[in-house]
Amino acid sequence: MKYWLFLAIAIFAEVLGTSALKDANGFTRLWPSVIVVVSYSVAFYFLSLSLKAIPVGIAYAIWAGLGVVLITLVGWLALGQKLDSAAVAGMGLIVAGVAVINLFSSAGGH
């Protein structure tokens, strides 16, 4: 169970780092750049810990899929980016894919 927590920490750290990328302005602004570097370091560290028990393909699929959905939601809620119906449908499919992996795949490591 702790390995799934490690994966969740990795996902949230990656989303935080990606959220700060725009403000980092090509790494020309110090504090947003620090947030990016620290967040990605935390993300990869916890992703590596999760791989002790979760197969790499499954962990990466979940990390990438949920990261896409979460960063899109951050863009929509915090940055005023528009989402059309195709984007919403696509994110729904990503969430459905992650759910299928977690609920039905024996490759999920549980």
C-alpha atoms as a PDB file:
ATOM      1  CA  MET A   1       0.000   0.000   0.000  1.00  0.00           C
ATOM      2  CA  LYS A   2       2.831   2.420   0.762  1.00  0.00           C
ATOM      3  CA  TYR A   3       4.072   2.070  -2.811  1.00  0.00           C
ATOM      4  CA  TRP A   4       0.770   3.435  -4.097  1.00  0.00           C
ATOM      5  CA  LEU A   5       1.203   6.370  -1.702  1.00  0.00           C
ATOM      6  CA  PHE A   6       4.692   6.899  -3.130  1.00  0.00           C
ATOM      7  CA  LEU A   7       3.179   6.951  -6.618  1.00  0.00           C
ATOM      8  CA  ALA A   8       0.535   9.485  -5.523  1.00  0.00           C
ATOM      9  CA  ILE A   9       3.248  11.742  -4.068  1.00  0.00           C
ATOM     10  CA  ALA A  10       5.180  11.452  -7.343  1.00  0.00           C
ATOM     11  CA  ILE A  11       2.099  12.444  -9.337  1.00  0.00           C
ATOM     12  CA  PHE A  12       1.285  15.459  -7.186  1.00  0.00           C
ATOM     13  CA  ALA A  13       4.922  16.625  -7.158  1.00  0.00           C
ATOM     14  CA  GLU A  14       5.051  16.357 -10.953  1.00  0.00           C
ATOM     15  CA  VAL A  15       1.840  18.372 -11.272  1.00  0.00           C
ATOM     16  CA  LEU A  16       3.230  21.048  -8.945  1.00  0.00           C
ATOM     17  CA  GLY A  17       6.459  21.253 -10.947  1.00  0.00           C
ATOM     18  CA  THR A  18       4.639  21.411 -14.266  1.00  0.00           C
ATOM     19  CA  SER A  19       2.327  24.096 -12.886  1.00  0.00           C
ATOM     20  CA  ALA A  20       5.342  26.236 -12.002  1.00  0.00           C
ATOM     21  CA  LEU A  21       7.000  25.865 -15.423  1.00  0.00           C
ATOM     22  CA  LYS A  22       5.117  28.758 -17.015  1.00  0.00           C
ATOM     23  CA  ASP A  23       6.034  31.118 -14.162  1.00  0.00           C
ATOM     24  CA  ALA A  24       9.666  29.976 -14.354  1.00  0.00           C
ATOM     25  CA  ASN A  25       9.755  31.711 -17.759  1.00  0.00           C
ATOM     26  CA  GLY A  26      12.442  29.513 -19.271  1.00  0.00           C
ATOM     27  CA  PHE A  27      14.206  29.221 -15.901  1.00  0.00           C
ATOM     28  CA  THR A  28      14.819  32.971 -15.798  1.00  0.00           C
ATOM     29  CA  ARG A  29      12.816  33.503 -12.576  1.00  0.00           C
ATOM     30  CA  LEU A  30      14.435  32.070  -9.451  1.00  0.00           C
ATOM     31  CA  TRP A  31      11.629  30.888  -7.173  1.00  0.00           C
ATOM     32  CA  PRO A  32       9.384  29.311  -9.777  1.00  0.00           C
ATOM     33  CA  SER A  33      12.500  27.612 -11.170  1.00  0.00           C
ATOM     34  CA  VAL A  34      13.369  26.284  -7.720  1.00  0.00           C
ATOM     35  CA  ILE A  35       9.832  24.915  -7.382  1.00  0.00           C
ATOM     36  CA  VAL A  36      10.190  23.150 -10.753  1.00  0.00           C
ATOM     37  CA  VAL A  37      13.544  21.548  -9.926  1.00  0.00           C
ATOM     38  CA  VAL A  38      12.575  20.504  -6.389  1.00  0.00           C
ATOM     39  CA  SER A  39       9.161  19.211  -7.467  1.00  0.00           C
ATOM     40  CA  TYR A  40      10.561  17.121 -10.312  1.00  0.00           C
ATOM     41  CA  SER A  41      13.296  15.781  -8.022  1.00  0.00           C
ATOM     42  CA  VAL A  42      10.662  14.717  -5.492  1.00  0.00           C
ATOM     43  CA  ALA A  43       8.505  13.273  -8.286  1.00  0.00           C
ATOM     44  CA  PHE A  44      11.259  11.085  -9.713  1.00  0.00           C
ATOM     45  CA  TYR A  45      12.456  10.016  -6.280  1.00  0.00           C
ATOM     46  CA  PHE A  46       9.004   8.833  -5.205  1.00  0.00           C
ATOM     47  CA  LEU A  47       8.331   7.306  -8.617  1.00  0.00           C
ATOM     48  CA  SER A  48      11.527   5.283  -8.186  1.00  0.00           C
ATOM     49  CA  LEU A  49      10.380   4.140  -4.743  1.00  0.00           C
ATOM     50  CA  SER A  50       7.018   3.065  -6.116  1.00  0.00           C
ATOM     51  CA  LEU A  51       8.796   0.871  -8.668  1.00  0.00           C
ATOM     52  CA  LYS A  52       9.954  -1.449  -5.895  1.00  0.00           C
ATOM     53  CA  ALA A  53       6.468  -2.980  -5.942  1.00  0.00           C
ATOM     54  CA  ILE A  54       4.562  -1.599  -8.939  1.00  0.00           C
ATOM     55  CA  PRO A  55       5.599  -2.676 -12.446  1.00  0.00           C
ATOM     56  CA  VAL A  56       7.213   0.182 -14.359  1.00  0.00           C
ATOM     57  CA  GLY A  57       4.699   0.157 -17.224  1.00  0.00           C
ATOM     58  CA  ILE A  58       1.739   0.299 -14.853  1.00  0.00           C
ATOM     59  CA  ALA A  59       3.301   2.978 -12.629  1.00  0.00           C
ATOM     60  CA  TYR A  60       4.225   5.127 -15.597  1.00  0.00           C
ATOM     61  CA  ALA A  61       0.812   4.771 -17.223  1.00  0.00           C
ATOM     62  CA  ILE A  62      -0.876   5.885 -14.011  1.00  0.00           C
ATOM     63  CA  TRP A  63       1.658   8.656 -13.373  1.00  0.00           C
ATOM     64  CA  ALA A  64       1.407  10.050 -16.879  1.00  0.00           C
ATOM     65  CA  GLY A  65      -2.363   9.615 -17.213  1.00  0.00           C
ATOM     66  CA  LEU A  66      -3.309  11.199 -13.934  1.00  0.00           C
ATOM     67  CA  GLY A  67      -0.651  13.864 -14.410  1.00  0.00           C
ATOM     68  CA  VAL A  68      -2.225  14.889 -17.725  1.00  0.00           C
ATOM     69  CA  VAL A  69      -5.683  15.081 -16.201  1.00  0.00           C
ATOM     70  CA  LEU A  70      -4.561  16.966 -13.097  1.00  0.00           C
ATOM     71  CA  ILE A  71      -2.398  19.503 -14.927  1.00  0.00           C
ATOM     72  CA  THR A  72      -5.254  20.115 -17.369  1.00  0.00           C
ATOM     73  CA  LEU A  73      -7.556  20.776 -14.422  1.00  0.00           C
ATOM     74  CA  VAL A  74      -4.983  23.164 -12.907  1.00  0.00           C
ATOM     75  CA  GLY A  75      -4.807  25.000 -16.219  1.00  0.00           C
ATOM     76  CA  TRP A  76      -8.584  25.238 -16.366  1.00  0.00           C
ATOM     77  CA  LEU A  77      -9.196  26.187 -12.713  1.00  0.00           C
ATOM     78  CA  ALA A  78      -6.155  28.331 -11.933  1.00  0.00           C
ATOM     79  CA  LEU A  79      -5.015  29.664 -15.285  1.00  0.00           C
ATOM     80  CA  GLY A  80      -8.336  30.183 -17.042  1.00  0.00           C
ATOM     81  CA  GLN A  81      -7.544  27.834 -19.923  1.00  0.00           C
ATOM     82  CA  LYS A  82     -10.530  26.655 -21.917  1.00  0.00           C
ATOM     83  CA  LEU A  83     -11.575  23.006 -22.188  1.00  0.00           C
ATOM     84  CA  ASP A  84     -13.736  21.837 -25.047  1.00  0.00           C
ATOM     85  CA  SER A  85     -15.853  18.704 -25.128  1.00  0.00           C
ATOM     86  CA  ALA A  86     -13.138  16.708 -26.895  1.00  0.00           C
ATOM     87  CA  ALA A  87     -10.650  17.544 -24.119  1.00  0.00           C
ATOM     88  CA  VAL A  88     -13.138  16.548 -21.432  1.00  0.00           C
ATOM     89  CA  ALA A  89     -13.954  13.297 -23.262  1.00  0.00           C
ATOM     90  CA  GLY A  90     -10.272  12.509 -23.689  1.00  0.00           C
ATOM     91  CA  MET A  91      -9.574  13.048 -20.015  1.00  0.00           C
ATOM     92  CA  GLY A  92     -12.525  10.831 -19.172  1.00  0.00           C
ATOM     93  CA  LEU A  93     -10.969   8.087 -21.280  1.00  0.00           C
ATOM     94  CA  ILE A  94      -7.635   8.532 -19.497  1.00  0.00           C
ATOM     95  CA  VAL A  95      -9.319   8.225 -16.094  1.00  0.00           C
ATOM     96  CA  ALA A  96     -11.237   5.173 -17.328  1.00  0.00           C
ATOM     97  CA  GLY A  97      -7.992   3.587 -18.503  1.00  0.00           C
ATOM     98  CA  VAL A  98      -6.317   4.159 -15.150  1.00  0.00           C
ATOM     99  CA  ALA A  99      -9.368   2.697 -13.406  1.00  0.00           C
ATOM    100  CA  VAL A 100      -9.317  -0.405 -15.620  1.00  0.00           C
ATOM    101  CA  ILE A 101      -5.628  -0.954 -14.870  1.00  0.00           C
ATOM    102  CA  ASN A 102      -6.177  -0.600 -11.128  1.00  0.00           C
ATOM    103  CA  LEU A 103      -9.400  -2.592 -10.875  1.00  0.00           C
ATOM    104  CA  PHE A 104      -9.002  -5.369 -13.406  1.00  0.00           C
ATOM    105  CA  SER A 105      -5.380  -5.863 -14.450  1.00  0.00           C
ATOM    106  CA  SER A 106      -3.285  -8.494 -12.728  1.00  0.00           C
ATOM    107  CA  ALA A 107      -0.270  -6.546 -14.010  1.00  0.00           C
ATOM    108  CA  GLY A 108      -1.070  -3.787 -11.517  1.00  0.00           C
ATOM    109  CA  GLY A 109       0.993  -5.409  -8.807  1.00  0.00           C
ATOM    110  CA  HIS A 110      -1.879  -6.069  -6.386  1.00  0.00           C
END
